[in-house]
Protein backbone atom coordinates (compact mmCIF):
# COMPACT_ATOMS: atom_id res chain seq x y z
CA UNK A 1 88.22 41.49 118.55
CA UNK A 2 88.57 41.15 122.30
CA UNK A 3 89.08 37.50 123.26
CA UNK A 4 87.70 37.42 126.78
CA UNK A 5 86.42 33.86 126.37
CA UNK A 6 88.20 32.71 129.53
CA UNK A 7 86.45 35.41 131.59
CA UNK A 8 82.87 35.72 130.38
CA UNK A 9 80.39 33.06 131.44
CA UNK A 10 77.84 32.27 128.70
CA UNK A 11 75.01 32.05 131.24
CA UNK A 12 75.82 35.54 132.51
CA UNK A 13 75.22 37.58 129.36
CA UNK A 14 72.24 39.92 129.50
CA UNK A 15 71.78 41.35 126.02
CA UNK A 16 69.18 43.87 127.19
CA UNK A 17 68.73 44.76 130.84
CA UNK A 18 66.26 47.39 131.94
CA UNK A 19 66.91 48.60 135.47
CA UNK A 20 65.64 51.59 137.44
CA UNK A 21 69.04 52.37 138.95
CA UNK A 22 72.63 51.19 139.37
CA UNK A 23 71.83 49.08 142.45
CA UNK A 24 69.09 47.16 140.60
CA UNK A 25 71.31 46.64 137.55
CA UNK A 26 74.17 45.32 139.68
CA UNK A 27 71.84 43.06 141.64
CA UNK A 28 70.44 41.50 138.46
CA UNK A 29 73.94 41.03 137.06
CA UNK A 30 75.20 39.56 140.35
CA UNK A 31 72.34 37.05 140.33
CA UNK A 32 73.10 36.02 136.73
CA UNK A 33 76.82 35.67 137.42
CA UNK A 34 76.24 33.80 140.68
CA UNK A 35 73.85 31.41 138.96
CA UNK A 36 76.26 30.74 136.09
CA UNK A 37 79.21 30.20 138.46
CA UNK A 38 77.30 28.47 141.28
CA UNK A 39 78.11 31.22 143.78
CA UNK A 40 76.09 32.90 146.52
CA UNK A 41 74.28 35.79 144.80
CA UNK A 42 74.27 37.88 147.96
CA UNK A 43 78.05 37.49 148.39
CA UNK A 44 78.62 38.56 144.77
CA UNK A 45 76.30 41.57 145.08
CA UNK A 46 77.74 42.67 148.44
CA UNK A 47 81.34 42.46 147.18
CA UNK A 48 80.57 44.47 144.04
CA UNK A 49 78.56 47.08 145.97
CA UNK A 50 81.32 47.49 148.54
CA UNK A 51 83.78 48.27 145.75
CA UNK A 52 81.28 50.52 143.97
CA UNK A 53 80.89 52.65 147.12
CA UNK A 54 84.63 53.42 147.05
CA UNK A 55 84.51 55.01 143.60
CA UNK A 56 82.42 54.76 140.47
CA UNK A 57 83.46 52.15 137.96
CA UNK A 58 82.48 54.00 134.80
CA UNK A 59 85.42 53.97 132.38
CA UNK A 60 83.94 56.38 129.84
CA UNK A 61 82.37 56.14 126.39
CA UNK A 62 79.28 54.51 127.93
CA UNK A 63 81.13 51.59 129.54
CA UNK A 64 81.54 50.48 133.15
CA UNK A 65 83.46 47.68 134.85
CA UNK A 66 82.07 47.01 138.32
CA UNK A 67 84.47 44.58 139.95
CA UNK A 68 85.43 42.89 143.20
CA UNK A 69 87.59 40.19 144.68
CA UNK A 70 85.74 37.23 146.15
CA UNK A 71 86.87 34.28 148.24
CA UNK A 72 86.27 30.84 146.77
CA UNK A 73 87.13 31.63 143.16
CA UNK A 74 89.99 29.92 141.34
CA UNK A 75 90.16 32.37 138.43
CA UNK A 76 88.57 35.65 137.31
CA UNK A 77 85.05 35.42 135.86
CA UNK A 78 82.67 37.92 134.35
CA UNK A 79 79.18 38.84 133.30
CA UNK A 80 77.99 41.40 130.77
CA UNK A 81 74.85 43.48 130.42
CA UNK A 82 73.72 46.02 127.88
CA UNK A 83 71.58 48.50 129.80
CA UNK A 84 68.53 50.13 128.30
CA UNK A 85 68.31 52.89 129.43
CA UNK A 86 71.94 53.69 130.34
CA UNK A 87 72.75 54.30 134.03
CA UNK A 88 75.27 56.63 135.69
CA UNK A 89 78.40 54.78 136.90
CA UNK A 90 80.30 58.00 137.71
CA UNK A 91 82.56 57.96 134.67
CA UNK A 92 85.05 60.82 134.31
CA UNK A 93 83.44 61.81 130.99
CA UNK A 94 80.04 62.05 132.73
CA UNK A 95 78.42 59.69 130.25
CA UNK A 96 76.04 57.04 131.64
CA UNK A 97 76.92 53.43 130.91
CA UNK A 98 74.98 51.09 128.67
CA UNK A 99 77.81 48.51 128.41
CA UNK A 100 78.57 46.93 131.78
CA UNK A 101 81.08 44.15 132.37
CA UNK A 102 80.99 42.77 135.93
CA UNK A 103 84.29 41.17 136.91
CA UNK A 104 85.05 38.94 139.91
CA UNK A 105 88.52 37.68 140.79
CA UNK A 106 89.92 35.44 143.51
CA UNK A 107 90.40 37.28 146.80
CA UNK A 108 93.92 35.94 147.22
CA UNK A 109 95.17 36.72 143.68
CA UNK A 110 95.41 40.49 143.33
CA UNK A 111 97.64 40.23 140.26
CA UNK A 112 95.06 38.13 138.42
CA UNK A 113 92.39 40.70 139.29
CA UNK A 114 94.42 43.59 137.88
CA UNK A 115 95.37 41.70 134.71
CA UNK A 116 91.74 40.73 134.05
CA UNK A 117 90.56 44.27 134.76
CA UNK A 118 93.12 45.65 132.30
CA UNK A 119 92.02 43.17 129.60
CA UNK A 120 88.36 44.12 129.97
CA UNK A 121 89.21 47.84 129.98
CA UNK A 122 91.31 47.44 126.82
CA UNK A 123 88.43 45.70 125.07
CA UNK A 124 85.84 48.30 126.11
CA UNK A 125 88.13 51.18 125.09
CA UNK A 126 87.93 49.99 121.49
CA UNK A 127 85.24 51.84 119.54
CA UNK A 128 84.71 48.84 117.23
CA UNK A 129 84.03 46.53 120.19
CA UNK A 130 81.57 49.00 121.74
CA UNK A 131 79.79 49.39 118.40
CA UNK A 132 79.49 45.62 117.92
CA UNK A 133 78.19 45.18 121.48
CA UNK A 134 75.56 47.87 120.93
CA UNK A 135 74.53 46.32 117.61
CA UNK A 136 74.32 42.73 118.92
CA UNK A 137 70.77 41.42 118.84
CA UNK A 138 70.99 38.75 121.50
CA UNK A 139 73.16 37.00 124.05
CA UNK A 140 74.83 34.81 121.43
CA UNK A 141 75.91 37.81 119.37
CA UNK A 142 77.19 39.60 122.49
CA UNK A 143 79.14 36.52 123.50
CA UNK A 144 80.60 36.29 119.98
CA UNK A 145 82.03 39.81 120.34
CA UNK A 146 83.83 38.82 123.54
CA UNK A 147 85.06 35.47 122.28
CA UNK A 148 86.43 36.58 118.92
CA UNK A 149 90.22 36.22 118.71
CA UNK A 150 92.01 39.46 119.52
CA UNK A 151 93.70 41.36 116.68
CA UNK A 152 97.47 41.59 116.83
CA UNK A 153 97.30 45.40 116.51
CA UNK A 154 96.34 45.79 120.17
CA UNK A 155 97.63 48.91 121.85
């Protein structure tokens, strides 16, 4: 399906996250990702919020990819949350996001950041992936969607 197994951290999958607003959702996700990766939660949150202030990270169809570069990482890592209710991430289609993939990449490896961001965007653009993520009943099922081998018919 989407084979993001090298990016997503199993301890940073939130199958159902209820948050009052974008800031609260990102803070909860930053804490989960920081805990799973043994990072400073404040540094993760601040980096993602700084990027979010530049422009919304909604990619449309109810998906968002908040992202940032962070010193101290060796490779890109990610967290995922399914938001209930959806929250506005300023997508061009105006649709609030319920599928949020938070991505962090090494500060000194811009190419790795862009490649990882493109991989996540490709996965979330696929209607079948979005449907499976919305249908998943728990963290294990969500993780299975992201760790399934990618089909060779990728665009």
